[in-house]
Amino acid sequence: MLISIRSGLLKEMQSDYGKVAASLNDGTFWNRTIERYGNIGSGGIGKKVQVFLSTGNIVSSTGLDLMQVSGYTIVAERLNFLRYCAHFRSVHRGQFFMEMKTTSVRKLLPDQWGFLCPVHTPDGGPCGLLSHLSLKCTVLADASLPPSFGASLDNVLISMGVSPVCRNAEGGKGGSSPIFMNLPVCVDGRVVGGLPARLLTSVSSRLRQLKVNGSEAVPATLEIVCISPGKSDHATMEQLE
């Protein structure tokens, strides 16, 4: 709005500078200028937000460097209660991908398994683009674990064989075993300790079991990622040991 008011004043000053300069101290002049160039008469920014929510279209002269300017909202159909609630669990890839000829963007990738329902997608054009969250999927506003969960989870990992950082060092120097001997174990980007490669599969399976059984130490929203070393890495570790 301020940019449009500035552009309008520049145009008026270029056409008749003396008239504009004489009216700078007049409140009526500023009210008329803001109403004319600030789009106040048509509702201002509030009207634009209302149009955006009702139609899903963005009215912009620059395009805002977006891949699409329409299709940002959908109408919540009230056919029945379950259909109405499903709208609030929907995930759309974007209107831009509707025009693509390739089908790779419509596939359910392995990293989406458990988060998106593999069958709850409509037929026709939005098939694979309009998905819905799975039944057990929960949307989190804060990705980090509470302090109580973090401390209890560290104790569970240590009890499974993870060598904690700055403990059990040779000679009591306060350092952990060499990093190339163990695989790093991280929780929310924080290194908890190291784990031998031979215990990797058993520890990850045990964590998933505790997560499914509803253990208090392992939260249900914890994402467990197990990256096993390759054959060359195994051979290197055996030589180092």
C-alpha atoms as a PDB file:
ATOM      1  CA  MET A   1       0.000   0.000   0.000  1.00  0.00           C
ATOM      2  CA  LEU A   2       2.812   2.419   0.857  1.00  0.00           C
ATOM      3  CA  ILE A   3       4.535   1.672  -2.441  1.00  0.00           C
ATOM      4  CA  SER A   4       1.383   2.473  -4.421  1.00  0.00           C
ATOM      5  CA  ILE A   5       0.898   5.744  -2.475  1.00  0.00           C
ATOM      6  CA  ARG A   6       4.510   6.728  -3.178  1.00  0.00           C
ATOM      7  CA  SER A   7       4.113   5.959  -6.889  1.00  0.00           C
ATOM      8  CA  GLY A   8       0.917   7.992  -7.065  1.00  0.00           C
ATOM      9  CA  LEU A   9       2.531  10.996  -5.386  1.00  0.00           C
ATOM     10  CA  LEU A  10       5.470  10.852  -7.777  1.00  0.00           C
ATOM     11  CA  LYS A  11       3.125  10.905 -10.761  1.00  0.00           C
ATOM     12  CA  GLU A  12       1.215  13.914  -9.418  1.00  0.00           C
ATOM     13  CA  MET A  13       4.455  15.750  -8.627  1.00  0.00           C
ATOM     14  CA  GLN A  14       5.715  15.164 -12.147  1.00  0.00           C
ATOM     15  CA  SER A  15       2.513  16.552 -13.654  1.00  0.00           C
ATOM     16  CA  ASP A  16       2.015  19.559 -11.325  1.00  0.00           C
ATOM     17  CA  TYR A  17       4.727  19.944  -8.674  1.00  0.00           C
ATOM     18  CA  GLY A  18       3.551  23.364  -7.431  1.00  0.00           C
ATOM     19  CA  LYS A  19       0.036  22.195  -6.679  1.00  0.00           C
ATOM     20  CA  VAL A  20       1.258  19.139  -4.753  1.00  0.00           C
ATOM     21  CA  ALA A  21       3.830  21.142  -2.786  1.00  0.00           C
ATOM     22  CA  ALA A  22       1.170  23.661  -1.725  1.00  0.00           C
ATOM     23  CA  SER A  23      -1.147  20.892  -0.499  1.00  0.00           C
ATOM     24  CA  LEU A  24       1.355  18.951   1.623  1.00  0.00           C
ATOM     25  CA  ASN A  25       0.139  20.559   4.867  1.00  0.00           C
ATOM     26  CA  ASP A  26      -3.516  19.946   4.044  1.00  0.00           C
ATOM     27  CA  GLY A  27      -5.091  16.964   5.807  1.00  0.00           C
ATOM     28  CA  THR A  28      -7.816  16.650   3.197  1.00  0.00           C
ATOM     29  CA  PHE A  29      -5.169  16.183   0.495  1.00  0.00           C
ATOM     30  CA  TRP A  30      -3.586  13.271   2.372  1.00  0.00           C
ATOM     31  CA  ASN A  31      -6.933  11.617   3.051  1.00  0.00           C
ATOM     32  CA  ARG A  32      -7.838  11.846  -0.629  1.00  0.00           C
ATOM     33  CA  THR A  33      -4.410  10.532  -1.675  1.00  0.00           C
ATOM     34  CA  ILE A  34      -4.512   7.546   0.677  1.00  0.00           C
ATOM     35  CA  GLU A  35      -8.054   6.677  -0.410  1.00  0.00           C
ATOM     36  CA  ARG A  36      -7.130   6.971  -4.081  1.00  0.00           C
ATOM     37  CA  TYR A  37      -3.825   5.094  -4.153  1.00  0.00           C
ATOM     38  CA  GLY A  38      -4.035   3.012  -0.979  1.00  0.00           C
ATOM     39  CA  ASN A  39      -6.959   0.928  -2.197  1.00  0.00           C
ATOM     40  CA  ILE A  40      -8.871   1.808   0.969  1.00  0.00           C
ATOM     41  CA  GLY A  41     -12.135   2.297  -0.888  1.00  0.00           C
ATOM     42  CA  SER A  42     -12.187  -1.357  -2.008  1.00  0.00           C
ATOM     43  CA  GLY A  43     -11.488  -2.692   1.486  1.00  0.00           C
ATOM     44  CA  GLY A  44      -7.671  -2.479   1.646  1.00  0.00           C
ATOM     45  CA  ILE A  45      -5.589  -5.450   2.663  1.00  0.00           C
ATOM     46  CA  GLY A  46      -8.479  -6.968   4.620  1.00  0.00           C
ATOM     47  CA  LYS A  47     -10.534  -7.249   1.440  1.00  0.00           C
ATOM     48  CA  LYS A  48      -7.608  -8.871  -0.376  1.00  0.00           C
ATOM     49  CA  VAL A  49      -7.196 -11.467   2.375  1.00  0.00           C
ATOM     50  CA  GLN A  50     -10.918 -12.196   2.231  1.00  0.00           C
ATOM     51  CA  VAL A  51     -10.763 -12.700  -1.542  1.00  0.00           C
ATOM     52  CA  PHE A  52      -7.693 -14.944  -1.135  1.00  0.00           C
ATOM     53  CA  LEU A  53      -9.398 -17.190   1.424  1.00  0.00           C
ATOM     54  CA  SER A  54     -12.639 -17.430  -0.547  1.00  0.00           C
ATOM     55  CA  THR A  55     -11.160 -17.994  -4.021  1.00  0.00           C
ATOM     56  CA  GLY A  56      -7.589 -19.181  -3.398  1.00  0.00           C
ATOM     57  CA  ASN A  57      -6.212 -16.652  -5.906  1.00  0.00           C
ATOM     58  CA  ILE A  58      -3.405 -14.181  -5.295  1.00  0.00           C
ATOM     59  CA  VAL A  59      -3.805 -10.783  -6.946  1.00  0.00           C
ATOM     60  CA  SER A  60      -0.325  -9.355  -7.329  1.00  0.00           C
ATOM     61  CA  SER A  61       1.426  -7.269  -9.966  1.00  0.00           C
ATOM     62  CA  THR A  62       4.809  -8.927  -9.308  1.00  0.00           C
ATOM     63  CA  GLY A  63       3.728 -12.542  -8.903  1.00  0.00           C
ATOM     64  CA  LEU A  64       5.749 -12.779  -5.668  1.00  0.00           C
ATOM     65  CA  ASP A  65       8.098 -15.268  -7.388  1.00  0.00           C
ATOM     66  CA  LEU A  66       5.609 -18.114  -6.829  1.00  0.00           C
ATOM     67  CA  MET A  67       5.046 -21.142  -9.051  1.00  0.00           C
ATOM     68  CA  GLN A  68       1.276 -20.601  -8.956  1.00  0.00           C
ATOM     69  CA  VAL A  69      -1.142 -17.758  -8.262  1.00  0.00           C
ATOM     70  CA  SER A  70      -4.310 -19.838  -7.834  1.00  0.00           C
ATOM     71  CA  GLY A  71      -5.497 -22.955  -6.064  1.00  0.00           C
ATOM     72  CA  TYR A  72      -4.218 -22.098  -2.572  1.00  0.00           C
ATOM     73  CA  THR A  73      -7.534 -22.876  -0.854  1.00  0.00           C
ATOM     74  CA  ILE A  74     -10.322 -25.411  -1.315  1.00  0.00           C
ATOM     75  CA  VAL A  75     -13.981 -25.284  -0.393  1.00  0.00           C
ATOM     76  CA  ALA A  76     -14.806 -27.415   2.657  1.00  0.00           C
ATOM     77  CA  GLU A  77     -17.687 -29.550   1.426  1.00  0.00           C
ATOM     78  CA  ARG A  78     -20.320 -30.415   4.018  1.00  0.00           C
ATOM     79  CA  LEU A  79     -21.605 -33.627   2.433  1.00  0.00           C
ATOM     80  CA  ASN A  80     -21.195 -35.360   5.793  1.00  0.00           C
ATOM     81  CA  PHE A  81     -19.232 -34.876   8.973  1.00  0.00           C
ATOM     82  CA  LEU A  82     -16.354 -37.212   8.045  1.00  0.00           C
ATOM     83  CA  ARG A  83     -15.927 -35.572   4.647  1.00  0.00           C
ATOM     84  CA  TYR A  84     -15.828 -32.150   6.309  1.00  0.00           C
ATOM     85  CA  CYS A  85     -13.169 -33.263   8.815  1.00  0.00           C
ATOM     86  CA  ALA A  86     -11.058 -34.848   6.067  1.00  0.00           C
ATOM     87  CA  HIS A  87     -10.455 -31.421   4.533  1.00  0.00           C
ATOM     88  CA  PHE A  88      -8.400 -30.412   7.567  1.00  0.00           C
ATOM     89  CA  ARG A  89      -6.111 -33.456   7.162  1.00  0.00           C
ATOM     90  CA  SER A  90      -5.482 -32.989   3.449  1.00  0.00           C
ATOM     91  CA  VAL A  91      -2.087 -32.211   1.921  1.00  0.00           C
ATOM     92  CA  HIS A  92      -1.861 -30.835  -1.625  1.00  0.00           C
ATOM     93  CA  ARG A  93       1.359 -30.765  -3.623  1.00  0.00           C
ATOM     94  CA  GLY A  94       0.282 -27.639  -5.504  1.00  0.00           C
ATOM     95  CA  GLN A  95      -1.692 -26.503  -8.532  1.00  0.00           C
ATOM     96  CA  PHE A  96       1.567 -26.203 -10.482  1.00  0.00           C
ATOM     97  CA  PHE A  97       1.968 -29.991 -10.680  1.00  0.00           C
ATOM     98  CA  MET A  98      -1.535 -30.449 -12.150  1.00  0.00           C
ATOM     99  CA  GLU A  99      -0.213 -29.391 -15.565  1.00  0.00           C
ATOM    100  CA  MET A 100       2.853 -31.635 -15.535  1.00  0.00           C
ATOM    101  CA  LYS A 101       2.831 -34.645 -17.847  1.00  0.00           C
ATOM    102  CA  THR A 102       5.072 -36.786 -15.648  1.00  0.00           C
ATOM    103  CA  THR A 103       3.604 -39.026 -12.953  1.00  0.00           C
ATOM    104  CA  SER A 104       6.642 -39.097 -10.644  1.00  0.00           C
ATOM    105  CA  VAL A 105       5.201 -36.337  -8.412  1.00  0.00           C
ATOM    106  CA  ARG A 106       2.046 -38.402  -7.866  1.00  0.00           C
ATOM    107  CA  LYS A 107       3.799 -41.467  -6.480  1.00  0.00           C
ATOM    108  CA  LEU A 108       3.861 -42.331  -2.780  1.00  0.00           C
ATOM    109  CA  LEU A 109       7.546 -42.349  -1.851  1.00  0.00           C
ATOM    110  CA  PRO A 110       8.986 -44.631   0.859  1.00  0.00           C
ATOM    111  CA  ASP A 111       9.770 -41.710   3.181  1.00  0.00           C
ATOM    112  CA  GLN A 112       6.053 -40.770   3.182  1.00  0.00           C
ATOM    113  CA  TRP A 113       4.937 -44.209   4.367  1.00  0.00           C
ATOM    114  CA  GLY A 114       3.153 -43.943   7.685  1.00  0.00           C
ATOM    115  CA  PHE A 115       2.605 -40.193   7.312  1.00  0.00           C
ATOM    116  CA  LEU A 116       0.279 -40.102   4.274  1.00  0.00           C
ATOM    117  CA  CYS A 117      -2.549 -42.534   3.592  1.00  0.00           C
ATOM    118  CA  PRO A 118      -1.744 -44.577   0.445  1.00  0.00           C
ATOM    119  CA  VAL A 119      -5.402 -44.949  -0.645  1.00  0.00           C
ATOM    120  CA  HIS A 120      -7.136 -41.739   0.482  1.00  0.00           C
ATOM    121  CA  THR A 121      -6.692 -39.699  -2.699  1.00  0.00           C
ATOM    122  CA  PRO A 122      -9.359 -38.669  -5.234  1.00  0.00           C
ATOM    123  CA  ASP A 123      -9.703 -39.877  -8.806  1.00  0.00           C
ATOM    124  CA  GLY A 124      -9.032 -37.752 -11.855  1.00  0.00           C
ATOM    125  CA  GLY A 125      -6.667 -34.806 -12.043  1.00  0.00           C
ATOM    126  CA  PRO A 126      -5.757 -34.440  -8.346  1.00  0.00           C
ATOM    127  CA  CYS A 127      -4.994 -38.169  -7.956  1.00  0.00           C
ATOM    128  CA  GLY A 128      -1.712 -38.491  -6.054  1.00  0.00           C
ATOM    129  CA  LEU A 129      -1.424 -34.729  -5.588  1.00  0.00           C
ATOM    130  CA  LEU A 130      -4.192 -34.366  -3.000  1.00  0.00           C
ATOM    131  CA  SER A 131      -3.329 -36.738  -0.166  1.00  0.00           C
ATOM    132  CA  HIS A 132      -4.478 -37.044   3.447  1.00  0.00           C
ATOM    133  CA  LEU A 133      -2.659 -37.664   6.689  1.00  0.00           C
ATOM    134  CA  SER A 134      -2.724 -41.203   7.996  1.00  0.00           C
ATOM    135  CA  LEU A 135      -4.819 -42.179  11.009  1.00  0.00           C
ATOM    136  CA  LYS A 136      -1.930 -42.238  13.507  1.00  0.00           C
ATOM    137  CA  CYS A 137      -0.109 -39.218  12.075  1.00  0.00           C
ATOM    138  CA  THR A 138       0.077 -36.198  14.403  1.00  0.00           C
ATOM    139  CA  VAL A 139       1.023 -32.652  13.421  1.00  0.00           C
ATOM    140  CA  LEU A 140       3.539 -31.114  15.839  1.00  0.00           C
ATOM    141  CA  ALA A 141       4.097 -27.412  16.393  1.00  0.00           C
ATOM    142  CA  ASP A 142       7.396 -27.995  18.242  1.00  0.00           C
ATOM    143  CA  ALA A 143       9.771 -30.601  16.830  1.00  0.00           C
ATOM    144  CA  SER A 144      12.058 -30.781  19.872  1.00  0.00           C
ATOM    145  CA  LEU A 145      11.454 -33.243  22.707  1.00  0.00           C
ATOM    146  CA  PRO A 146      10.597 -32.015  26.217  1.00  0.00           C
ATOM    147  CA  PRO A 147      13.523 -32.127  28.683  1.00  0.00           C
ATOM    148  CA  SER A 148      11.959 -35.033  30.563  1.00  0.00           C
ATOM    149  CA  PHE A 149      11.682 -37.133  27.411  1.00  0.00           C
ATOM    150  CA  GLY A 150      15.231 -36.259  26.360  1.00  0.00           C
ATOM    151  CA  ALA A 151      16.807 -37.421  29.631  1.00  0.00           C
ATOM    152  CA  SER A 152      14.807 -40.665  29.803  1.00  0.00           C
ATOM    153  CA  LEU A 153      15.523 -41.446  26.144  1.00  0.00           C
ATOM    154  CA  ASP A 154      19.254 -41.011  26.733  1.00  0.00           C
ATOM    155  CA  ASN A 155      19.095 -43.510  29.594  1.00  0.00           C
ATOM    156  CA  VAL A 156      17.274 -46.024  27.389  1.00  0.00           C
ATOM    157  CA  LEU A 157      19.906 -45.690  24.661  1.00  0.00           C
ATOM    158  CA  ILE A 158      22.741 -46.117  27.169  1.00  0.00           C
ATOM    159  CA  SER A 159      21.090 -49.223  28.609  1.00  0.00           C
ATOM    160  CA  MET A 160      20.978 -50.724  25.091  1.00  0.00           C
ATOM    161  CA  GLY A 161      24.707 -50.426  24.581  1.00  0.00           C
ATOM    162  CA  VAL A 162      25.314 -46.842  23.461  1.00  0.00           C
ATOM    163  CA  SER A 163      28.596 -45.501  24.816  1.00  0.00           C
ATOM    164  CA  PRO A 164      27.784 -42.010  26.100  1.00  0.00           C
ATOM    165  CA  VAL A 165      29.968 -39.067  25.242  1.00  0.00           C
ATOM    166  CA  CYS A 166      32.652 -38.129  27.817  1.00  0.00           C
ATOM    167  CA  ARG A 167      32.250 -41.386  29.763  1.00  0.00           C
ATOM    168  CA  ASN A 168      34.059 -44.734  30.068  1.00  0.00           C
ATOM    169  CA  ALA A 169      37.268 -43.340  28.603  1.00  0.00           C
ATOM    170  CA  GLU A 170      40.592 -45.095  28.959  1.00  0.00           C
ATOM    171  CA  GLY A 171      42.690 -43.609  31.737  1.00  0.00           C
ATOM    172  CA  GLY A 172      39.827 -41.462  32.990  1.00  0.00           C
ATOM    173  CA  LYS A 173      40.545 -38.627  30.564  1.00  0.00           C
ATOM    174  CA  GLY A 174      36.847 -37.853  30.122  1.00  0.00           C
ATOM    175  CA  GLY A 175      36.687 -38.595  26.399  1.00  0.00           C
ATOM    176  CA  SER A 176      34.688 -41.197  24.502  1.00  0.00           C
ATOM    177  CA  SER A 177      36.013 -43.974  22.301  1.00  0.00           C
ATOM    178  CA  PRO A 178      37.263 -42.964  18.823  1.00  0.00           C
ATOM    179  CA  ILE A 179      34.467 -41.902  16.514  1.00  0.00           C
ATOM    180  CA  PHE A 180      35.617 -44.260  13.723  1.00  0.00           C
ATOM    181  CA  MET A 181      35.093 -47.274  15.991  1.00  0.00           C
ATOM    182  CA  ASN A 182      31.404 -46.566  16.723  1.00  0.00           C
ATOM    183  CA  LEU A 183      28.473 -45.153  14.767  1.00  0.00           C
ATOM    184  CA  PRO A 184      27.187 -41.813  16.130  1.00  0.00           C
ATOM    185  CA  VAL A 185      23.776 -41.792  17.824  1.00  0.00           C
ATOM    186  CA  CYS A 186      21.972 -38.434  17.676  1.00  0.00           C
ATOM    187  CA  VAL A 187      18.726 -37.151  19.206  1.00  0.00           C
ATOM    188  CA  ASP A 188      17.397 -33.854  17.797  1.00  0.00           C
ATOM    189  CA  GLY A 189      20.826 -33.046  16.368  1.00  0.00           C
ATOM    190  CA  ARG A 190      22.571 -33.716  19.690  1.00  0.00           C
ATOM    191  CA  VAL A 191      25.195 -36.472  19.797  1.00  0.00           C
ATOM    192  CA  VAL A 192      24.320 -38.862  22.622  1.00  0.00           C
ATOM    193  CA  GLY A 193      27.156 -41.303  22.079  1.00  0.00           C
ATOM    194  CA  GLY A 194      28.439 -44.076  19.852  1.00  0.00           C
ATOM    195  CA  LEU A 195      27.135 -47.554  19.029  1.00  0.00           C
ATOM    196  CA  PRO A 196      29.020 -50.536  17.545  1.00  0.00           C
ATOM    197  CA  ALA A 197      27.832 -51.499  14.063  1.00  0.00           C
ATOM    198  CA  ARG A 198      26.939 -55.032  15.179  1.00  0.00           C
ATOM    199  CA  LEU A 199      24.307 -53.657  17.611  1.00  0.00           C
ATOM    200  CA  LEU A 200      22.725 -51.218  15.184  1.00  0.00           C
ATOM    201  CA  THR A 201      19.913 -53.458  13.917  1.00  0.00           C
ATOM    202  CA  SER A 202      18.955 -54.806  17.332  1.00  0.00           C
ATOM    203  CA  VAL A 203      18.889 -51.371  18.970  1.00  0.00           C
ATOM    204  CA  SER A 204      16.756 -49.825  16.204  1.00  0.00           C
ATOM    205  CA  SER A 205      14.310 -52.740  16.353  1.00  0.00           C
ATOM    206  CA  ARG A 206      14.067 -52.460  20.127  1.00  0.00           C
ATOM    207  CA  LEU A 207      13.381 -48.702  19.912  1.00  0.00           C
ATOM    208  CA  ARG A 208      10.611 -49.251  17.373  1.00  0.00           C
ATOM    209  CA  GLN A 209       9.100 -51.915  19.604  1.00  0.00           C
ATOM    210  CA  LEU A 210       9.071 -49.564  22.598  1.00  0.00           C
ATOM    211  CA  LYS A 211       7.546 -46.838  20.453  1.00  0.00           C
ATOM    212  CA  VAL A 212       4.696 -49.072  19.250  1.00  0.00           C
ATOM    213  CA  ASN A 213       4.024 -50.441  22.749  1.00  0.00           C
ATOM    214  CA  GLY A 214       3.618 -46.908  24.128  1.00  0.00           C
ATOM    215  CA  SER A 215       6.657 -46.716  26.372  1.00  0.00           C
ATOM    216  CA  GLU A 216       6.954 -43.554  28.462  1.00  0.00           C
ATOM    217  CA  ALA A 217      10.648 -43.205  27.608  1.00  0.00           C
ATOM    218  CA  VAL A 218      10.117 -43.309  23.831  1.00  0.00           C
ATOM    219  CA  PRO A 219       7.484 -40.812  22.598  1.00  0.00           C
ATOM    220  CA  ALA A 220       5.009 -41.927  19.945  1.00  0.00           C
ATOM    221  CA  THR A 221       6.039 -39.060  17.627  1.00  0.00           C
ATOM    222  CA  LEU A 222       9.730 -40.020  17.604  1.00  0.00           C
ATOM    223  CA  GLU A 223      11.089 -40.721  14.120  1.00  0.00           C
ATOM    224  CA  ILE A 224      13.711 -43.469  14.228  1.00  0.00           C
ATOM    225  CA  VAL A 225      16.245 -43.435  11.390  1.00  0.00           C
ATOM    226  CA  CYS A 226      18.729 -46.298  11.058  1.00  0.00           C
ATOM    227  CA  ILE A 227      21.536 -45.796   8.520  1.00  0.00           C
ATOM    228  CA  SER A 228      23.624 -48.942   8.372  1.00  0.00           C
ATOM    229  CA  PRO A 229      27.188 -48.797   7.009  1.00  0.00           C
ATOM    230  CA  GLY A 230      28.001 -50.295   3.641  1.00  0.00           C
ATOM    231  CA  LYS A 231      30.157 -53.325   2.925  1.00  0.00           C
ATOM    232  CA  SER A 232      33.290 -51.239   2.510  1.00  0.00           C
ATOM    233  CA  ASP A 233      32.603 -49.540   5.842  1.00  0.00           C
ATOM    234  CA  HIS A 234      32.178 -52.930   7.544  1.00  0.00           C
ATOM    235  CA  ALA A 235      35.504 -54.103   6.158  1.00  0.00           C
ATOM    236  CA  THR A 236      37.203 -50.928   7.357  1.00  0.00           C
ATOM    237  CA  MET A 237      35.753 -51.340  10.878  1.00  0.00           C
ATOM    238  CA  GLU A 238      36.867 -54.983  11.051  1.00  0.00           C
ATOM    239  CA  GLN A 239      40.399 -53.971  10.115  1.00  0.00           C
ATOM    240  CA  LEU A 240      40.411 -51.191  12.747  1.00  0.00           C
ATOM    241  CA  GLU A 241      39.143 -53.557  15.434  1.00  0.00           C
END
